[in-house]
Protein backbone atom coordinates (compact mmCIF):
# COMPACT_ATOMS: atom_id res chain seq x y z
CA MET A 1 -32.92 -42.81 -17.97
CA GLU A 2 -31.67 -42.72 -14.37
CA ARG A 3 -32.70 -40.17 -11.72
CA LYS A 4 -30.66 -39.28 -8.65
CA LEU A 5 -29.85 -36.53 -6.16
CA ALA A 6 -26.57 -34.75 -6.91
CA ALA A 7 -24.63 -31.57 -6.25
CA ILE A 8 -24.26 -29.53 -9.43
CA LEU A 9 -21.58 -26.90 -10.00
CA ALA A 10 -22.03 -24.43 -12.87
CA ALA A 11 -19.25 -21.97 -13.69
CA ASP A 12 -18.34 -19.56 -16.46
CA VAL A 13 -15.78 -16.91 -17.38
CA VAL A 14 -16.78 -13.33 -16.57
CA GLY A 15 -16.72 -11.02 -19.61
CA PHE A 16 -15.61 -13.78 -21.98
CA SER A 17 -16.75 -11.91 -25.12
CA ARG A 18 -14.86 -8.79 -24.06
CA LEU A 19 -11.67 -10.81 -23.44
CA MET A 20 -12.02 -12.57 -26.79
CA GLY A 21 -12.55 -9.26 -28.56
CA ARG A 22 -9.27 -7.93 -27.16
CA ASP A 23 -7.09 -10.96 -27.90
CA LYS A 24 -8.80 -14.11 -29.12
CA GLU A 25 -5.80 -16.44 -29.45
CA ASN A 26 -4.19 -15.47 -26.14
CA THR A 27 -7.51 -15.72 -24.27
CA LEU A 28 -8.16 -19.22 -25.61
CA LEU A 29 -4.62 -20.29 -24.68
CA ARG A 30 -4.96 -18.91 -21.14
CA LEU A 31 -8.33 -20.60 -20.73
CA LYS A 32 -6.87 -23.91 -21.91
CA HIS A 33 -4.09 -23.67 -19.31
CA LEU A 34 -6.61 -22.71 -16.62
CA LEU A 35 -8.68 -25.82 -17.31
CA SER A 36 -5.74 -28.22 -17.49
CA GLU A 37 -3.70 -26.80 -14.59
CA LEU A 38 -6.39 -25.87 -12.08
CA VAL A 39 -10.03 -26.57 -12.80
CA LYS A 40 -9.91 -30.18 -14.02
CA PRO A 41 -7.39 -31.37 -11.37
CA GLN A 42 -9.44 -29.79 -8.57
CA ILE A 43 -12.70 -31.33 -9.79
CA ARG A 44 -11.02 -34.76 -9.91
CA ALA A 45 -9.47 -34.22 -6.47
CA PHE A 46 -12.91 -33.59 -4.98
CA LYS A 47 -14.44 -36.68 -6.66
CA GLY A 48 -16.43 -34.75 -9.24
CA ARG A 49 -16.77 -35.18 -12.99
CA ILE A 50 -17.09 -32.60 -15.72
CA VAL A 51 -20.36 -33.21 -17.55
CA LYS A 52 -19.78 -30.72 -20.33
CA LEU A 53 -17.60 -27.81 -21.40
CA MET A 54 -19.41 -24.97 -23.15
CA GLY A 55 -16.82 -22.57 -24.54
CA ASP A 56 -16.66 -20.12 -21.65
CA GLY A 57 -18.34 -22.36 -19.04
CA LEU A 58 -18.66 -25.82 -17.58
CA LEU A 59 -21.06 -28.08 -15.73
CA ALA A 60 -19.81 -30.58 -13.13
CA GLU A 61 -21.51 -33.19 -10.97
CA PHE A 62 -20.48 -34.26 -7.45
CA PRO A 63 -21.82 -37.04 -5.22
CA SER A 64 -21.24 -34.81 -2.15
CA VAL A 65 -22.43 -31.23 -1.78
CA VAL A 66 -19.57 -30.57 0.68
CA ASP A 67 -17.05 -31.73 -1.93
CA ALA A 68 -18.67 -29.56 -4.61
CA THR A 69 -18.56 -26.47 -2.40
CA GLU A 70 -15.02 -27.10 -1.19
CA CYS A 71 -13.90 -27.60 -4.78
CA ALA A 72 -15.43 -24.28 -5.88
CA VAL A 73 -13.81 -22.47 -2.94
CA ALA A 74 -10.40 -24.01 -3.75
CA ILE A 75 -10.67 -22.97 -7.40
CA GLN A 76 -11.74 -19.41 -6.65
CA ARG A 77 -9.03 -18.91 -4.05
CA ALA A 78 -6.41 -20.28 -6.44
CA MET A 79 -7.70 -17.87 -9.11
CA LEU A 80 -6.64 -14.95 -6.89
CA GLN A 81 -3.01 -16.09 -7.23
CA ARG A 82 -3.01 -16.77 -10.98
CA GLU A 83 -1.66 -14.41 -13.60
CA PRO A 84 -0.21 -11.86 -11.13
CA GLY A 85 1.34 -9.85 -13.95
CA ILE A 86 -1.95 -9.24 -15.76
CA SER A 87 -4.02 -6.16 -14.92
CA GLY A 88 -7.44 -6.52 -13.30
CA SER A 89 -9.55 -5.79 -16.39
CA ARG A 90 -7.64 -8.37 -18.47
CA ARG A 91 -7.53 -11.17 -15.90
CA ILE A 92 -9.72 -14.23 -16.26
CA LYS A 93 -12.31 -14.36 -13.49
CA LEU A 94 -14.84 -17.09 -12.80
CA ARG A 95 -18.22 -17.08 -11.14
CA ALA A 96 -19.95 -20.21 -9.90
CA GLY A 97 -23.32 -21.50 -8.74
CA ILE A 98 -24.04 -24.67 -6.76
CA HIS A 99 -27.34 -26.44 -6.11
CA LEU A 100 -28.33 -29.76 -4.60
CA GLY A 101 -31.23 -31.25 -6.52
CA ASP A 102 -32.80 -34.03 -8.54
CA ILE A 103 -31.19 -34.71 -11.92
CA ILE A 104 -31.90 -37.01 -14.87
CA ILE A 105 -28.93 -38.83 -16.39
CA ASP A 106 -29.07 -39.42 -20.16
CA GLY A 107 -25.85 -41.06 -21.32
CA SER A 108 -23.07 -38.72 -20.23
CA ASP A 109 -25.36 -35.70 -20.01
CA ILE A 110 -27.59 -34.53 -17.15
CA PHE A 111 -30.84 -32.54 -17.03
CA GLY A 112 -33.41 -31.41 -14.51
CA ASP A 113 -34.09 -28.72 -11.89
CA GLY A 114 -30.75 -29.38 -10.17
CA VAL A 115 -28.95 -28.28 -13.34
CA ASN A 116 -31.25 -25.36 -14.12
CA VAL A 117 -31.07 -23.84 -10.63
CA ALA A 118 -27.26 -24.17 -10.47
CA ALA A 119 -26.98 -22.36 -13.83
CA ARG A 120 -29.28 -19.55 -12.67
CA LEU A 121 -27.42 -19.17 -9.36
CA GLU A 122 -24.16 -18.83 -11.27
CA THR A 123 -25.53 -15.71 -13.02
CA LEU A 124 -26.21 -14.13 -9.59
CA ALA A 125 -22.63 -14.55 -8.42
CA GLU A 126 -20.25 -11.58 -8.44
CA PRO A 127 -17.01 -11.99 -10.43
CA GLY A 128 -14.73 -14.29 -8.46
CA ALA A 129 -17.57 -15.36 -6.14
CA ILE A 130 -19.75 -18.43 -5.49
CA CYS A 131 -23.53 -18.38 -5.11
CA ILE A 132 -25.29 -21.35 -3.48
CA SER A 133 -28.89 -22.35 -2.84
CA GLU A 134 -30.42 -22.70 0.60
CA ASP A 135 -30.36 -26.50 0.19
CA VAL A 136 -26.59 -26.35 -0.24
CA TYR A 137 -26.21 -23.89 2.65
CA ARG A 138 -28.05 -26.21 5.05
CA GLN A 139 -25.71 -29.06 4.14
CA VAL A 140 -22.37 -27.24 4.30
CA ASN A 141 -22.89 -24.65 7.04
CA GLY A 142 -20.76 -25.67 9.99
CA LYS A 143 -18.74 -28.17 7.94
CA LEU A 144 -16.43 -25.83 6.04
CA PRO A 145 -14.27 -23.00 7.42
CA VAL A 146 -15.91 -20.30 5.28
CA SER A 147 -18.38 -17.47 5.88
CA PHE A 148 -21.74 -16.99 4.18
CA ARG A 149 -23.82 -13.92 3.35
CA SER A 150 -27.56 -14.22 2.78
CA LEU A 151 -28.82 -12.81 -0.54
CA GLY A 152 -32.46 -13.32 0.40
CA LYS A 153 -35.10 -14.88 -1.84
CA GLN A 154 -34.24 -14.68 -5.53
CA GLU A 155 -36.61 -14.97 -8.49
CA LEU A 156 -34.80 -17.13 -11.08
CA LYS A 157 -35.64 -17.25 -14.75
CA ASN A 158 -37.82 -20.24 -15.70
CA ILE A 159 -37.88 -21.45 -12.06
CA GLU A 160 -41.45 -21.42 -10.75
CA SER A 161 -40.83 -20.63 -7.07
CA GLY A 162 -38.19 -18.31 -5.66
CA ILE A 163 -34.92 -19.69 -4.28
CA SER A 164 -33.19 -18.44 -1.13
CA ALA A 165 -29.54 -17.86 -2.05
CA TYR A 166 -26.27 -17.28 -0.22
CA SER A 167 -22.89 -15.94 -1.29
CA ILE A 168 -19.71 -17.52 0.06
CA ASP A 169 -17.29 -14.92 1.42
CA LEU A 170 -13.84 -15.85 0.14
CA ASP A 171 -11.99 -13.36 2.35
CA PRO A 172 -10.52 -15.70 4.99
CA ALA A 173 -9.94 -12.82 7.40
CA ARG A 174 -13.67 -12.22 7.72
CA LEU A 175 -15.11 -14.44 10.40
CA SER A 176 -18.88 -14.59 10.19
CA PRO A 177 -20.62 -15.38 13.49
CA GLU A 178 -21.14 -18.92 12.17
CA LEU A 179 -17.47 -19.42 11.26
CA TYR A 180 -16.42 -17.82 14.55
CA GLU A 181 -18.41 -20.50 16.37
CA ILE A 182 -16.94 -23.31 14.23
CA LEU A 183 -13.37 -22.24 15.00
CA THR A 184 -13.64 -21.18 18.64
CA GLY A 185 -16.45 -23.45 19.82
CA GLU A 186 -18.29 -20.44 21.24
CA ALA A 187 -21.20 -18.41 19.88
CA LEU A 188 -20.47 -14.77 18.97
CA GLU A 189 -23.07 -13.02 21.11
CA LEU A 190 -23.51 -9.48 22.33
CA PRO A 191 -21.74 -9.08 25.67
CA ASP A 192 -23.61 -7.85 28.71
CA GLN A 193 -21.36 -4.81 29.14
CA PRO A 194 -21.12 -1.96 26.59
CA SER A 195 -19.02 -2.77 23.54
CA ILE A 196 -17.73 -0.59 20.72
CA ALA A 197 -15.94 -0.85 17.38
CA VAL A 198 -14.00 2.19 16.15
CA LEU A 199 -14.04 2.03 12.36
CA PRO A 200 -11.07 3.48 10.43
CA PHE A 201 -11.53 7.23 10.08
CA GLN A 202 -11.73 8.16 6.41
CA ASN A 203 -8.87 10.17 4.93
CA MET A 204 -10.62 13.10 3.24
CA SER A 205 -7.42 14.98 2.37
CA GLY A 206 -7.19 13.60 -1.17
CA ASP A 207 -3.58 12.65 -0.47
CA PRO A 208 -2.84 8.91 -0.14
CA GLU A 209 0.31 9.80 1.80
CA GLN A 210 -1.90 11.09 4.63
CA GLU A 211 -3.57 7.69 5.06
CA TYR A 212 -1.31 6.82 7.98
CA PHE A 213 -2.41 10.05 9.71
CA SER A 214 -6.11 9.15 9.76
CA ASP A 215 -5.19 5.60 10.75
CA GLY A 216 -3.18 7.03 13.65
CA ILE A 217 -6.17 9.02 14.90
CA THR A 218 -8.25 5.85 14.86
CA GLU A 219 -5.62 3.85 16.73
CA ASP A 220 -5.22 6.51 19.41
CA ILE A 221 -8.96 6.55 20.10
CA ILE A 222 -9.02 2.73 20.29
CA THR A 223 -6.11 2.86 22.75
CA ALA A 224 -7.78 5.46 24.94
CA LEU A 225 -11.13 3.66 25.04
CA SER A 226 -9.48 0.37 25.96
CA HIS A 227 -8.52 1.94 29.32
CA VAL A 228 -12.19 2.35 30.29
CA ASN A 229 -13.25 -0.18 32.90
CA GLY A 230 -16.25 -2.24 31.84
CA LEU A 231 -16.02 -1.35 28.14
CA ILE A 232 -15.20 -3.95 25.46
CA VAL A 233 -13.26 -2.36 22.60
CA MET A 234 -12.65 -4.23 19.35
CA ALA A 235 -9.01 -4.47 18.33
CA ARG A 236 -7.48 -2.65 15.38
CA ASN A 237 -7.20 -5.80 13.26
CA SER A 238 -10.97 -6.30 13.29
CA THR A 239 -12.09 -2.75 12.70
CA PHE A 240 -9.51 -2.12 9.97
CA ALA A 241 -11.02 -5.00 8.00
CA TYR A 242 -13.68 -2.42 7.02
CA LYS A 243 -11.13 0.11 5.77
CA GLY A 244 -12.12 1.64 2.44
CA GLN A 245 -15.70 0.41 2.78
CA SER A 246 -19.00 1.98 3.85
CA PRO A 247 -20.50 -0.92 5.79
CA ASP A 248 -23.95 -0.99 7.30
CA VAL A 249 -23.49 -0.51 11.05
CA ARG A 250 -26.01 -3.30 11.68
CA GLN A 251 -23.74 -5.65 9.74
CA VAL A 252 -20.70 -4.46 11.72
CA GLY A 253 -22.54 -5.00 14.98
CA ARG A 254 -23.51 -8.53 13.98
CA GLU A 255 -20.11 -9.52 12.60
CA LEU A 256 -18.11 -8.12 15.53
CA GLY A 257 -20.65 -8.67 18.29
CA VAL A 258 -20.73 -5.03 19.47
CA ARG A 259 -23.49 -2.63 20.47
CA PHE A 260 -21.94 0.63 19.29
CA VAL A 261 -19.89 1.83 16.30
CA LEU A 262 -17.83 5.00 16.06
CA GLU A 263 -17.07 6.28 12.57
CA GLY A 264 -15.55 9.50 11.35
CA SER A 265 -13.25 11.32 8.96
CA VAL A 266 -10.06 13.37 8.98
CA ARG A 267 -9.27 16.24 6.62
CA LYS A 268 -5.75 17.68 6.93
CA ALA A 269 -4.72 20.80 5.04
CA GLY A 270 -1.50 22.54 5.90
CA GLN A 271 -1.41 23.12 9.65
CA ARG A 272 -5.15 22.74 10.16
CA VAL A 273 -7.11 19.56 10.66
CA ARG A 274 -10.84 18.85 10.73
CA ILE A 275 -12.07 15.69 12.46
CA THR A 276 -15.67 14.52 12.47
CA GLY A 277 -17.09 11.64 14.47
CA GLN A 278 -20.43 10.00 15.15
CA LEU A 279 -21.44 7.28 17.58
CA ILE A 280 -24.16 4.90 16.37
CA GLU A 281 -26.19 2.22 18.14
CA CYS A 282 -25.91 -0.85 15.90
CA GLN A 283 -29.26 -2.55 16.39
CA THR A 284 -31.38 0.56 15.77
CA GLY A 285 -29.00 2.70 13.70
CA ALA A 286 -29.71 5.60 16.06
CA HIS A 287 -27.10 8.38 16.28
CA LEU A 288 -26.17 8.89 19.92
CA TRP A 289 -23.54 11.57 19.42
CA ALA A 290 -21.90 13.52 16.60
CA ASP A 291 -19.55 16.47 16.42
CA ARG A 292 -16.99 18.26 14.27
CA TYR A 293 -13.65 19.68 15.37
CA ASP A 294 -11.50 22.27 13.57
CA ARG A 295 -8.09 22.73 15.15
CA GLN A 296 -4.54 23.75 14.52
CA LEU A 297 -2.36 20.69 14.04
CA ASP A 298 -0.31 21.46 17.16
CA ASP A 299 -3.47 20.82 19.23
CA ILE A 300 -3.99 17.32 17.82
CA PHE A 301 -3.30 15.44 21.05
CA ALA A 302 -5.63 17.60 23.13
CA LEU A 303 -8.19 17.12 20.37
CA GLN A 304 -7.89 13.32 20.64
CA ASP A 305 -8.51 13.57 24.39
CA GLU A 306 -11.53 15.77 23.79
CA ILE A 307 -13.08 13.37 21.27
CA THR A 308 -12.47 10.38 23.53
CA ARG A 309 -14.14 12.08 26.51
CA GLU A 310 -17.14 13.02 24.37
CA ILE A 311 -17.57 9.41 23.24
CA THR A 312 -17.43 7.95 26.74
CA VAL A 313 -19.96 10.51 28.00
CA ALA A 314 -22.25 9.55 25.12
CA LEU A 315 -21.96 5.87 26.08
CA ALA A 316 -22.82 6.50 29.72
CA ALA A 317 -21.60 9.01 32.25
CA SER A 318 -21.29 6.34 34.92
CA LEU A 319 -19.23 4.02 32.70
CA THR A 320 -15.93 5.74 33.43
CA HIS A 321 -16.48 5.75 37.22
CA GLY A 322 -15.05 9.24 37.31
CA GLN A 323 -12.00 8.37 35.25
CA GLU A 324 -10.25 11.18 33.41
CA LEU A 325 -9.37 9.94 29.95
CA LYS A 326 -6.34 11.81 28.70
CA LEU A 327 -4.29 9.80 26.27
CA TRP A 328 -1.47 12.33 26.43
CA ALA A 329 -2.10 13.40 30.01
CA ASP A 330 1.52 13.07 31.16
CA GLN A 331 3.24 14.27 28.03
CA ALA A 332 2.13 15.27 24.57
CA PRO A 333 4.79 13.86 22.24
CA ASP A 334 6.77 15.81 19.70
CA LEU A 335 4.56 16.10 16.63
CA GLU A 336 7.26 14.98 14.20
CA ALA A 337 8.10 11.99 16.44
CA TRP A 338 4.42 11.02 16.59
CA ASP A 339 4.25 11.32 12.79
CA LEU A 340 7.22 8.94 12.47
CA MET A 341 5.63 6.51 14.94
CA MET A 342 2.46 6.34 12.85
CA ARG A 343 4.55 5.57 9.78
CA GLY A 344 6.48 2.93 11.72
CA LEU A 345 3.31 1.20 12.87
CA SER A 346 2.02 1.19 9.29
CA GLU A 347 5.20 -0.59 8.18
CA GLN A 348 5.20 -3.01 11.13
CA TYR A 349 1.64 -4.16 10.36
CA LYS A 350 2.82 -5.42 6.96
CA PHE A 351 4.63 -8.32 8.73
CA THR A 352 7.34 -8.50 6.07
CA ARG A 353 11.13 -8.34 6.28
CA GLU A 354 11.18 -4.99 4.49
CA GLY A 355 8.35 -3.59 6.61
CA ASN A 356 10.03 -4.77 9.82
CA LEU A 357 13.36 -3.14 8.94
CA GLU A 358 11.70 0.12 7.90
CA ALA A 359 9.58 0.17 11.08
CA ALA A 360 12.65 -0.21 13.28
CA ARG A 361 14.39 2.59 11.38
CA LEU A 362 11.42 4.95 11.79
CA PHE A 363 11.04 4.15 15.50
CA ARG A 364 14.75 4.87 16.08
CA GLN A 365 14.45 8.17 14.22
CA ALA A 366 11.42 9.12 16.34
CA ILE A 367 13.19 8.20 19.60
CA ALA A 368 16.07 10.48 18.67
CA LEU A 369 13.57 13.35 18.45
CA ASP A 370 11.60 12.49 21.61
CA PRO A 371 13.45 10.00 23.84
CA GLY A 372 10.96 10.40 26.69
CA PHE A 373 7.92 9.17 24.71
CA SER A 374 7.52 5.55 25.86
CA SER A 375 5.26 4.40 23.01
CA LEU A 376 8.16 4.82 20.59
CA LYS A 377 10.33 2.43 22.59
CA ILE A 378 7.51 -0.10 22.86
CA GLY A 379 7.11 0.00 19.07
CA LEU A 380 10.84 -0.52 18.59
CA GLY A 381 10.84 -3.40 21.09
CA TRP A 382 8.12 -5.27 19.20
CA ALA A 383 9.89 -4.66 15.88
CA LEU A 384 13.19 -5.99 17.25
CA GLN A 385 11.79 -9.10 18.96
CA SER A 386 9.51 -9.94 16.02
CA GLY A 387 12.41 -9.44 13.63
CA ALA A 388 14.52 -11.81 15.73
CA ARG A 389 11.76 -14.41 16.05
CA PHE A 390 10.83 -14.52 12.37
CA GLY A 391 14.36 -14.35 11.00
CA PHE A 392 14.04 -10.85 9.53
CA LEU A 393 17.27 -9.66 11.16
CA SER A 394 20.86 -10.73 10.56
CA ASP A 395 21.71 -10.81 14.30
CA PRO A 396 18.61 -12.03 16.15
CA ALA A 397 20.42 -12.45 19.48
CA ALA A 398 21.51 -8.81 19.50
CA ALA A 399 17.99 -7.68 18.56
CA SER A 400 16.45 -9.70 21.39
CA THR A 401 19.01 -8.32 23.85
CA GLU A 402 18.15 -4.76 22.81
CA ALA A 403 14.42 -5.51 23.13
CA GLN A 404 15.04 -6.72 26.69
CA SER A 405 17.02 -3.56 27.48
CA LEU A 406 14.06 -1.48 26.32
CA CYS A 407 11.77 -3.52 28.60
CA ASP A 408 14.07 -2.91 31.56
CA GLU A 409 13.90 0.82 30.92
CA LEU A 410 10.12 0.90 30.41
CA LEU A 411 9.39 -1.12 33.55
CA ALA A 412 11.85 0.69 35.82
CA GLY A 413 9.33 3.18 37.23
CA ASP A 414 6.16 2.70 39.26
CA ASN A 415 3.83 3.68 36.40
CA ALA A 416 4.66 1.02 33.84
CA THR A 417 1.94 0.72 31.19
CA ALA A 418 0.04 -2.34 30.04
CA ASP A 419 1.87 -2.09 26.71
CA ALA A 420 5.24 -2.33 28.46
CA HIS A 421 4.15 -5.45 30.38
CA ALA A 422 2.82 -7.05 27.19
CA LEU A 423 6.11 -6.43 25.39
CA GLN A 424 8.03 -7.95 28.30
CA ALA A 425 5.75 -11.01 28.24
CA TYR A 426 6.50 -11.48 24.54
CA VAL A 427 10.27 -11.10 25.00
CA PHE A 428 10.34 -13.49 27.97
CA THR A 429 8.29 -16.09 26.05
CA CYS A 430 10.75 -16.01 23.16
CA ARG A 431 13.57 -16.45 25.69
CA GLY A 432 11.92 -19.40 27.48
CA ARG A 433 11.27 -17.53 30.75
CA PHE A 434 7.68 -18.70 30.90
CA GLU A 435 6.73 -17.98 34.52
CA ASP A 436 8.04 -14.43 34.22
CA ALA A 437 6.23 -14.08 30.89
CA LYS A 438 2.93 -15.21 32.42
CA ALA A 439 3.29 -12.74 35.28
CA HIS A 440 3.77 -9.81 32.92
CA GLY A 441 1.03 -11.02 30.59
CA ARG A 442 -1.46 -11.12 33.47
CA GLN A 443 -0.37 -7.67 34.59
CA ALA A 444 -0.92 -6.28 31.09
CA ILE A 445 -4.44 -7.72 31.03
CA ALA A 446 -5.20 -6.40 34.53
CA LEU A 447 -4.19 -2.88 33.50
CA GLN A 448 -5.96 -2.92 30.11
CA PRO A 449 -8.33 -5.90 29.75
CA SER A 450 -9.68 -4.99 26.30
CA VAL A 451 -6.39 -5.40 24.42
CA SER A 452 -6.59 -8.51 22.24
CA LEU A 453 -2.83 -8.83 21.76
CA SER A 454 -2.17 -9.19 25.50
CA HIS A 455 -4.54 -12.18 25.74
CA ALA A 456 -2.99 -13.73 22.60
CA THR A 457 0.55 -13.27 23.92
CA LEU A 458 -0.39 -14.97 27.18
CA ALA A 459 -1.97 -17.82 25.18
CA VAL A 460 1.34 -18.38 23.38
CA THR A 461 3.12 -18.66 26.72
CA HIS A 462 0.56 -21.16 28.05
CA ASN A 463 0.88 -23.28 24.90
CA CYS A 464 4.65 -23.37 25.24
CA CYS A 465 4.24 -24.63 28.82
CA GLY A 466 1.73 -27.32 27.87
CA GLU A 467 -1.08 -25.48 29.68
CA PHE A 468 -3.51 -25.96 26.84
CA ALA A 469 -6.82 -25.28 28.61
CA ALA A 470 -5.48 -21.91 29.78
CA ALA A 471 -4.12 -21.22 26.28
CA LEU A 472 -7.51 -21.99 24.71
CA ASN A 473 -9.27 -19.71 27.17
CA CYS A 474 -6.86 -16.83 26.47
CA MET A 475 -7.02 -17.28 22.70
CA ARG A 476 -10.81 -17.34 22.72
CA LYS A 477 -10.77 -14.02 24.59
CA ALA A 478 -8.23 -12.61 22.13
CA ILE A 479 -10.34 -13.59 19.11
CA ARG A 480 -13.51 -12.33 20.81
CA LEU A 481 -11.86 -8.92 21.14
CA SER A 482 -10.68 -9.14 17.53
CA PRO A 483 -12.83 -11.45 15.37
CA TYR A 484 -10.88 -10.31 12.29
CA CYS A 485 -7.66 -11.17 14.07
CA PRO A 486 -4.09 -11.64 12.77
CA ASP A 487 -3.46 -14.91 10.95
CA TRP A 488 -1.00 -16.19 13.55
CA TYR A 489 -3.75 -16.32 16.21
CA PHE A 490 -5.01 -19.49 14.56
CA THR A 491 -1.69 -21.28 14.83
CA HIS A 492 -1.96 -21.10 18.60
CA LEU A 493 -5.71 -21.73 18.70
CA GLY A 494 -5.11 -24.96 16.76
CA ASP A 495 -2.12 -25.84 18.94
CA ALA A 496 -4.25 -25.52 22.06
CA TYR A 497 -6.88 -27.87 20.61
CA ARG A 498 -4.19 -30.36 19.58
CA GLY A 499 -2.62 -30.27 23.02
CA LEU A 500 -6.02 -31.04 24.56
CA GLY A 501 -6.41 -34.05 22.26
CA ARG A 502 -9.22 -32.39 20.28
CA LEU A 503 -7.60 -33.37 16.99
CA GLU A 504 -10.64 -32.89 14.75
CA GLN A 505 -11.11 -29.34 15.99
CA ALA A 506 -7.37 -28.68 15.59
CA ARG A 507 -7.56 -29.90 11.98
CA THR A 508 -10.51 -27.59 11.28
CA VAL A 509 -8.55 -24.61 12.60
CA TYR A 510 -5.40 -25.55 10.67
CA ARG A 511 -7.43 -25.89 7.46
CA HIS A 512 -8.78 -22.40 8.04
CA LEU A 513 -5.21 -21.24 8.64
CA GLU A 514 -4.29 -22.67 5.23
CA THR A 515 -6.81 -20.33 3.56
CA ARG A 516 -5.08 -17.36 5.19
CA MET A 517 -1.35 -18.14 5.00
CA ALA A 518 -0.77 -21.26 2.90
CA GLY A 519 2.67 -19.98 1.91
CA SER A 520 3.85 -19.78 5.51
CA ILE A 521 6.14 -22.47 6.87
CA LEU A 522 4.31 -22.28 10.23
CA CYS A 523 1.06 -23.20 8.48
CA GLN A 524 2.56 -26.07 6.47
CA ILE A 525 4.29 -27.55 9.56
CA ARG A 526 0.95 -27.64 11.34
CA LEU A 527 -0.81 -29.21 8.37
CA ALA A 528 1.90 -31.89 8.20
CA VAL A 529 1.54 -32.60 11.92
CA SER A 530 -2.26 -32.64 11.78
CA HIS A 531 -2.38 -35.03 8.80
CA ALA A 532 0.14 -37.27 10.58
CA ASP A 533 -2.08 -37.27 13.67
CA PHE A 534 -4.84 -38.83 11.52
CA ASN A 535 -2.45 -41.20 9.70
CA ASP A 536 -3.24 -39.36 6.46
CA LEU A 537 0.31 -39.85 5.24
CA ALA A 538 -0.36 -38.84 1.63
CA ASN A 539 -1.46 -35.32 2.61
CA ALA A 540 1.13 -35.21 5.40
CA SER A 541 3.80 -35.85 2.78
CA LYS A 542 2.45 -33.05 0.57
CA ALA A 543 2.60 -30.62 3.48
CA ALA A 544 6.15 -31.81 4.29
CA GLU A 545 7.15 -31.13 0.68
CA ALA A 546 5.70 -27.64 0.99
CA VAL A 547 7.77 -27.06 4.16
CA LEU A 548 10.96 -28.06 2.35
CA SER A 549 10.12 -25.95 -0.69
CA ILE A 550 9.88 -22.93 1.62
CA ASP A 551 12.99 -23.85 3.62
CA PRO A 552 15.18 -26.51 1.95
CA GLN A 553 17.42 -26.58 5.06
CA PHE A 554 14.56 -27.39 7.43
CA SER A 555 15.14 -30.14 9.99
CA VAL A 556 13.02 -31.40 12.87
CA ARG A 557 15.95 -31.18 15.26
CA ALA A 558 16.69 -27.53 14.43
CA TYR A 559 13.03 -26.56 14.61
CA THR A 560 12.39 -28.15 18.00
CA ALA A 561 15.63 -26.69 19.34
CA SER A 562 14.75 -23.13 18.29
CA THR A 563 11.08 -23.25 19.29
CA ALA A 564 10.28 -22.36 22.89
CA PHE A 565 8.85 -25.68 24.13
CA GLY A 566 8.45 -25.72 27.88
CA ASN A 567 9.04 -29.45 28.40
CA ASP A 568 10.49 -32.50 26.67
CA GLU A 569 7.13 -34.28 26.36
CA LEU A 570 5.68 -31.43 24.30
CA ARG A 571 8.81 -31.20 22.16
CA LYS A 572 8.70 -34.96 21.51
CA SER A 573 5.02 -34.86 20.53
CA TRP A 574 5.72 -32.34 17.77
CA ALA A 575 8.96 -34.00 16.69
CA ASP A 576 7.34 -37.45 16.36
CA ALA A 577 4.47 -36.07 14.26
CA MET A 578 6.84 -34.16 11.97
CA LEU A 579 9.02 -37.21 11.45
CA LYS A 580 5.92 -39.30 10.73
CA ALA A 581 4.94 -36.75 8.06
CA GLY A 582 8.29 -37.31 6.37
CA LEU A 583 10.21 -34.23 7.45
CA PRO A 584 13.97 -34.85 7.83
CA GLU A 585 15.33 -35.35 11.32
C-alpha cells in the first residue's frame, strides 16, 4: 500500500432521503444529470479524480489543495444557477468538506485521517457551503479570490484532537479583509479619523411596499453624514449588503473597517412615522447614542435633519467644526416627489434595462411635481447617461444630450453640489471630454470626499486617458469607501493593473469579476484579453466564444470605436489582445 499527502474533497446531497421520499425517479434522474453535466467535468478540469460514489455523496482526490478548493467553489457557484424553475425546498443542494492530509492508497480506494477529516468537515457545512480545515486555509488563503469565515475549533467524531475549521463565503460581493487586500494590494485597516457605517433601517411596517421608504431614510442619512469634514462614511452599496440581516456590529466593523455603526428602524402607519436609531462603537459594542422619534409624515425632512445632527454630536461635538447639517436646509421637497424619487432610485439600482426605463419614468414624474428639487434631475441624468452607455435606450445620442442639458442647468448657479459635478464628470467621460471630466470629478471629491462613486468615476476617466497609477489610486479609495462595491468597480481596478503592466494582479481581479458577473460581456472581454496576455489561447478562445454568445454581432473594430479610449496606443493594446483571443476584427 502507498502513502501520500493529498487534498480530499467530500461532498453529499443535502436532505437526500427527503427528496427521494417525494419523487424517487425524478430525484435520481436529476442527480445523474448533475454528476454528468457539472460535478464530473469540473473535477476533471481541476485535475482531480473521483475515488468513489456513494449514492448521495462522493469522495475525490486532488494533487493540489488549491485545485480542490477552486473546484468546490466552481461547483457550488454553478449550483446556484441550476434548476431555476424548481422551488427552494425541492432543489438539489450540496455541501462539501476539504482537508489536506496523509492518505493510504489501496487499489483505487483511499483511507486515512485525510479522508476521515474531510468527511467530518462536510457534515459541518451549511447547505450550499464549503467547510475546510485550517491546513487547507493556510494553503489557499491569499491564492483564491474568495472570503473565509472562521468557525473556531471543532470537535469531530472519531477524531482525537479538535480541528480548526473555516467556511468559504460564496457571496462574491462580500469582501473579507483578506480578499480586500488580495484585490487592492492594501490592508483594510481602521482609519485614523472617525468612520461610520449606516446599516439599512429595518422596515417595521409589515408592508413590503414600504421597503423603499426605509431605504430612503437610510440613504438620506448617509448623504448628510458624507458632508461632514473629517468623517469617513461607508457607501450605500457596502452597508446594504447587510440588508435583511442582524449582523454583529463587531463583524461589520471588521469587514468594513469602521469604528462606528448606526442602525435603526422605520414604522410607517398612515400619516405618522416612528424612527428609532442607535449609534454603536464596533470594537466594544458600547451604545453611544439612541433615541426614538414619533412625527407626522409631513415633518419627515426636518426629522432627518434632527437625527443627523444627533448622530454627529454623539460622534464628537468638534467633528463638525460648527457645521450646520441640514439635508433639506434650502428646500424641503414635495413629499410625493420625494416618494417617487425613492422608488426611482430603487429601480435604478437594479442595473437592468427594465429598471433603467422605470427609473427614468419615475424621475420625470417627480420633476413634474417639483421642478426645483435638484436631486430629481441628478437621478434622471444618471439614468439617461447609463441607459445610453449600456444600450438600454433606443436613442442613446438623444439621452446623452438630455443628460448634458441637465448638467448645464444644475451647474449654472454658484452653489452647484458635489452630485452635480459627479454627474457632469460621468457625462463628459462618456463623451470623450477627459480633461473637463477630471476637473469636475476633482471638484465633486473636494466638496464631498466620502462619496465612493465620485472616486470611481474619476478612476474611469484616468483609465481612459492611460493614467493608470492615478486610476488605481482613485479606485482603491472608492473601494475603501465601499468594500461591498458595485461589480463594475472591478473592471476598472483590473484595467488599471493591466495598464501598469501588473498582469498577474489584473488576472486575479478579472477572475474575481467572473464570480460576480460572468454573464456580462464586459467581464468576458476582459477575461479574453487577460488570457491572451498570458498566451493562454485555449481559455482566451473560450472567453471569446462567451463574448459572441452574448453579442453575436460583436467586433473588435466596433468595440474600440465606441469605447472612450483617450489615445491610439491604448486602443491598439486592447484591440491586439482581443484579436489574439480570437474575437473577429
